[in-house]
Structure formats: structure tokens, C-alpha cells
């Protein structure tokens, strides 16, 4: 049993590495009418010329630390409100579709949509480990029924132990997979809210866009 557990761990690590190295091979992008704008948010880069600096910079989706550094080094408040709002609409990350994608398709596919490598890797590891445990339990049930069950003079105690162990693996894997999808539903929500807040703060925008009623800053 210890050897089996060790094998499962090694297989889960291998699967996680494979998914992380080749995410495009295992991703399934579903096109839904009406979501084209939200799902394309945050893709590509924008070339901007800062009014007060006379310097052109390229800004695109990046980690929150990188985005904070860009805002610390450059004053985006020199742009008109409409321009800052356009930048936010282009670079902000979607929430609803990544959450739904993580819950239904799993394997960090929704986090990859947000360009969140950590969230994507967590989803891959959790789902891979859960499915491997489910597979081990399913294989154990088949092995117990076909090999041990059809052999001459099966050991009743060994047969019962094998069946119970396989059932525990199967149920444990299913529970782990459900827990994985719940966790994956939370990850893009937290990441998206944090990232969009950093973006709003750097651009000097209010969440409710109440600042649109006032004079433009700068």
C-alpha cells in the first residue's frame, strides 16, 4: 500500500509538470456568444505615450508586482478620465467566465484565462492528484473483481481488504476532486478582484466609477 501511495504521488507530480509545461495541449476553450468581449479582456499590450513624460511605454497583462512597479514609475493620472477608463477596460481581468471554467473544466483553465500562473498550477496539481486517486481506486475495483474474484480459491480476507481499500481510494478521489473545484472557483475570484483593484488604484479610478461625474484629474 505504501508503494502504491508513493507511485500515486510520483504520477501526480509528473502529470502536474506535464500540464504546466504544455498548458495549451490540455486546454479547452469554449466560445460562448456574448462573452467575446469579457474573455478577450487583458490580452495583448497597449502602447501609450504619457502626456507629462513624453515617453512611450508598452503596458499589458503582468503580475501584480510588475503592475504596481509600472504605476510607481509612471504617472497615469496625466491621462484624461476616458483614456484611463479605456486602459482599465482593456487590461482588467474577467471574473465570471474564469470561475465557471475552473469549476466545470478544471485544471486551472480559468486561471490561465486570467494569466495567473500560480492559480493555474494549483488547479493542475489538485485535479491531477484527485483523478489519479480515482483511477487507482477504479483500477483496484476492476483488479479485485476480475483477477482475484475469478482466481481459484480466492483469499476472502485479502479480497475484502482489497475491495475496501479500492473503495476508499475511489470515494476519497471523488471528494478531493469536488474540493478541488471549489478551491478553483475561489482562486480566480480572489485573484481577479485583487488584480483589478491594483489596476484601478494605479489609474485613479473608483470601483463604482463615481469619479466619472467629477472633473478629470490632471
Protein backbone atom coordinates (compact mmCIF):
# COMPACT_ATOMS: atom_id res chain seq x y z
CA UNK A 1 0.00 0.00 0.00
CA UNK A 2 2.86 2.39 0.77
CA UNK A 3 4.37 1.64 -2.62
CA UNK A 4 1.04 2.39 -4.27
CA UNK A 5 0.76 5.73 -2.48
CA UNK A 6 4.31 6.62 -3.49
CA UNK A 7 3.50 5.74 -7.09
CA UNK A 8 0.42 7.97 -6.99
CA UNK A 9 2.44 10.89 -5.68
CA UNK A 10 5.06 10.44 -8.40
CA UNK A 11 2.40 10.20 -11.09
CA UNK A 12 0.64 13.33 -9.83
CA UNK A 13 3.90 15.27 -9.87
CA UNK A 14 4.61 14.05 -13.40
CA UNK A 15 1.12 14.99 -14.57
CA UNK A 16 1.33 18.42 -12.94
CA UNK A 17 4.68 19.06 -14.61
CA UNK A 18 3.29 17.98 -17.97
CA UNK A 19 0.26 20.24 -17.68
CA UNK A 20 2.39 23.18 -16.56
CA UNK A 21 4.88 22.70 -19.38
CA UNK A 22 2.28 22.25 -22.13
CA UNK A 23 -0.92 24.01 -20.95
CA UNK A 24 -2.17 24.54 -24.49
CA UNK A 25 -2.30 20.80 -25.15
CA UNK A 26 -4.87 20.22 -22.43
CA UNK A 27 -6.86 23.43 -22.51
CA UNK A 28 -10.37 23.52 -23.91
CA UNK A 29 -11.58 26.97 -24.86
CA UNK A 30 -15.32 27.18 -25.33
CA UNK A 31 -16.70 30.05 -27.38
CA UNK A 32 -19.97 31.37 -25.98
CA UNK A 33 -21.85 34.16 -27.80
CA UNK A 34 -21.91 37.39 -25.81
CA UNK A 35 -18.73 36.64 -23.87
CA UNK A 36 -16.23 37.60 -26.56
CA UNK A 37 -15.52 41.00 -25.05
CA UNK A 38 -15.10 39.83 -21.46
CA UNK A 39 -12.97 36.81 -22.32
CA UNK A 40 -10.63 38.86 -24.50
CA UNK A 41 -10.01 41.37 -21.73
CA UNK A 42 -6.41 41.64 -20.63
CA UNK A 43 -4.91 40.21 -23.81
CA UNK A 44 -2.26 42.00 -25.80
CA UNK A 45 -0.31 45.11 -24.95
CA UNK A 46 -1.07 48.80 -25.26
CA UNK A 47 1.49 51.34 -26.45
CA UNK A 48 0.95 54.58 -24.52
CA UNK A 49 2.60 57.98 -24.66
CA UNK A 50 2.48 59.63 -21.24
CA UNK A 51 1.44 63.31 -21.62
CA UNK A 52 3.65 64.66 -18.82
CA UNK A 53 6.67 62.49 -19.59
CA UNK A 54 6.66 62.46 -23.37
CA UNK A 55 7.74 58.83 -23.16
CA UNK A 56 6.14 55.86 -24.84
CA UNK A 57 5.68 52.74 -22.76
CA UNK A 58 4.16 49.36 -23.50
CA UNK A 59 1.82 48.03 -20.85
CA UNK A 60 -0.01 44.72 -20.84
CA UNK A 61 -1.14 41.92 -18.57
CA UNK A 62 1.54 41.20 -16.00
CA UNK A 63 1.87 40.08 -12.41
CA UNK A 64 0.52 42.36 -9.70
CA UNK A 65 4.04 43.19 -8.51
CA UNK A 66 5.09 44.25 -12.00
CA UNK A 67 1.92 46.26 -12.47
CA UNK A 68 2.47 48.10 -9.17
CA UNK A 69 6.02 48.93 -10.20
CA UNK A 70 4.81 50.36 -13.51
CA UNK A 71 2.33 52.60 -11.70
CA UNK A 72 5.01 53.70 -9.22
CA UNK A 73 7.38 54.67 -12.03
CA UNK A 74 4.84 56.44 -14.25
CA UNK A 75 2.00 58.89 -13.59
CA UNK A 76 -1.10 57.61 -15.33
CA UNK A 77 -3.22 60.35 -13.77
CA UNK A 78 -1.97 62.64 -16.54
CA UNK A 79 -4.38 60.87 -18.88
CA UNK A 80 -7.96 62.06 -19.21
CA UNK A 81 -10.60 60.03 -17.39
CA UNK A 82 -11.94 58.46 -20.58
CA UNK A 83 -8.43 57.37 -21.54
CA UNK A 84 -7.76 55.83 -18.14
CA UNK A 85 -11.11 54.08 -18.27
CA UNK A 86 -10.26 52.69 -21.70
CA UNK A 87 -6.94 51.37 -20.36
CA UNK A 88 -8.75 49.71 -17.45
CA UNK A 89 -11.35 48.11 -19.72
CA UNK A 90 -8.55 46.71 -21.88
CA UNK A 91 -6.31 45.37 -19.10
CA UNK A 92 -8.79 44.30 -16.40
CA UNK A 93 -9.31 40.56 -16.00
CA UNK A 94 -12.73 38.88 -16.25
CA UNK A 95 -14.22 37.09 -13.24
CA UNK A 96 -17.38 35.16 -14.13
CA UNK A 97 -16.09 33.07 -17.04
CA UNK A 98 -12.76 32.07 -15.38
CA UNK A 99 -14.65 30.99 -12.25
CA UNK A 100 -17.13 28.95 -14.29
CA UNK A 101 -14.33 27.47 -16.39
CA UNK A 102 -12.32 26.45 -13.33
CA UNK A 103 -15.35 24.81 -11.74
CA UNK A 104 -16.55 22.94 -14.84
CA UNK A 105 -13.42 22.18 -16.88
CA UNK A 106 -10.90 22.46 -14.05
CA UNK A 107 -7.14 22.05 -14.34
CA UNK A 108 -6.63 25.79 -13.79
CA UNK A 109 -8.10 26.62 -17.20
CA UNK A 110 -9.91 29.67 -15.81
CA UNK A 111 -6.78 30.92 -14.07
CA UNK A 112 -4.86 30.58 -17.33
CA UNK A 113 -7.52 32.79 -18.89
CA UNK A 114 -6.59 35.42 -16.30
CA UNK A 115 -2.87 34.82 -16.95
CA UNK A 116 -2.42 33.68 -13.34
CA UNK A 117 0.35 31.04 -13.44
CA UNK A 118 0.15 30.18 -9.74
CA UNK A 119 -3.61 29.60 -9.81
CA UNK A 120 -3.28 27.55 -12.99
CA UNK A 121 -0.58 25.35 -11.46
CA UNK A 122 -2.61 24.81 -8.28
CA UNK A 123 -5.59 23.71 -10.35
CA UNK A 124 -3.48 21.30 -12.39
CA UNK A 125 -1.90 19.71 -9.32
CA UNK A 126 -5.18 19.36 -7.39
CA UNK A 127 -7.18 17.91 -10.28
CA UNK A 128 -4.34 15.64 -11.42
CA UNK A 129 -3.86 14.19 -7.95
CA UNK A 130 -7.62 13.70 -7.49
CA UNK A 131 -8.09 11.93 -10.81
CA UNK A 132 -5.07 9.71 -10.21
CA UNK A 133 -6.52 8.61 -6.86
CA UNK A 134 -9.89 7.96 -8.54
CA UNK A 135 -8.14 5.96 -11.25
CA UNK A 136 -6.24 3.92 -8.68
CA UNK A 137 -9.47 3.09 -6.86
CA UNK A 138 -11.28 2.21 -10.08
CA UNK A 139 -8.40 0.01 -11.25
CA UNK A 140 -8.30 -1.66 -7.84
CA UNK A 141 -12.02 -2.48 -8.05
CA UNK A 142 -11.56 -3.99 -11.52
CA UNK A 143 -8.48 -5.91 -10.43
CA UNK A 144 -10.30 -7.25 -7.38
CA UNK A 145 -13.35 -8.32 -9.39
CA UNK A 146 -11.66 -9.83 -12.42
CA UNK A 147 -8.33 -11.18 -11.21
CA UNK A 148 -8.84 -12.06 -7.57
CA UNK A 149 -12.56 -12.82 -7.92
CA UNK A 150 -12.06 -15.24 -10.82
CA UNK A 151 -9.00 -16.97 -9.42
CA UNK A 152 -9.32 -20.39 -7.83
CA UNK A 153 -9.78 -20.31 -4.08
CA UNK A 154 -9.62 -16.55 -3.52
CA UNK A 155 -8.45 -15.33 -0.13
CA UNK A 156 -11.59 -13.88 1.45
CA UNK A 157 -9.71 -11.62 3.85
CA UNK A 158 -7.40 -10.34 1.13
CA UNK A 159 -10.34 -9.89 -1.21
CA UNK A 160 -12.29 -7.84 1.35
CA UNK A 161 -9.24 -5.71 2.20
CA UNK A 162 -8.55 -5.01 -1.48
CA UNK A 163 -12.16 -4.09 -2.13
CA UNK A 164 -12.37 -1.77 0.88
CA UNK A 165 -9.05 -0.09 0.05
CA UNK A 166 -10.09 0.47 -3.57
CA UNK A 167 -13.43 1.87 -2.46
CA UNK A 168 -11.71 4.29 -0.08
CA UNK A 169 -9.42 5.48 -2.87
CA UNK A 170 -12.38 5.92 -5.21
CA UNK A 171 -14.52 7.86 -2.74
CA UNK A 172 -11.56 9.85 -1.47
CA UNK A 173 -10.64 10.86 -5.01
CA UNK A 174 -14.19 11.98 -5.78
CA UNK A 175 -14.33 14.07 -2.60
CA UNK A 176 -10.90 15.53 -3.37
CA UNK A 177 -12.00 16.42 -6.92
CA UNK A 178 -15.09 18.23 -5.63
CA UNK A 179 -12.98 20.11 -3.09
CA UNK A 180 -10.50 20.94 -5.85
CA UNK A 181 -13.21 22.51 -7.99
CA UNK A 182 -14.48 24.58 -5.04
CA UNK A 183 -10.95 25.85 -4.40
CA UNK A 184 -10.50 26.56 -8.10
CA UNK A 185 -13.72 28.56 -8.09
CA UNK A 186 -12.36 30.77 -5.31
CA UNK A 187 -8.88 31.33 -6.79
CA UNK A 188 -9.87 33.37 -9.90
CA UNK A 189 -12.37 35.39 -7.86
CA UNK A 190 -9.71 36.44 -5.35
CA UNK A 191 -7.03 36.99 -7.98
CA UNK A 192 -9.32 38.93 -10.30
CA UNK A 193 -10.60 41.24 -7.57
CA UNK A 194 -7.07 41.94 -6.31
CA UNK A 195 -5.65 42.49 -9.77
CA UNK A 196 -8.44 44.80 -10.88
CA UNK A 197 -8.09 46.81 -7.65
CA UNK A 198 -4.37 47.32 -8.31
CA UNK A 199 -5.28 48.46 -11.82
CA UNK A 200 -7.97 50.86 -10.59
CA UNK A 201 -5.72 52.33 -7.92
CA UNK A 202 -2.90 52.88 -10.40
CA UNK A 203 -5.25 54.54 -12.87
CA UNK A 204 -7.03 56.62 -10.23
CA UNK A 205 -10.45 55.08 -10.82
CA UNK A 206 -13.23 54.36 -8.35
CA UNK A 207 -14.81 50.92 -8.33
CA UNK A 208 -18.32 52.33 -8.81
CA UNK A 209 -16.99 54.80 -11.41
CA UNK A 210 -18.49 57.66 -9.42
CA UNK A 211 -15.45 59.73 -10.39
CA UNK A 212 -16.91 59.96 -13.90
CA UNK A 213 -19.29 62.61 -12.53
CA UNK A 214 -16.45 64.85 -11.39
CA UNK A 215 -13.76 66.76 -13.29
CA UNK A 216 -10.96 64.74 -14.86
CA UNK A 217 -7.78 64.50 -12.79
CA UNK A 218 -4.72 66.05 -14.37
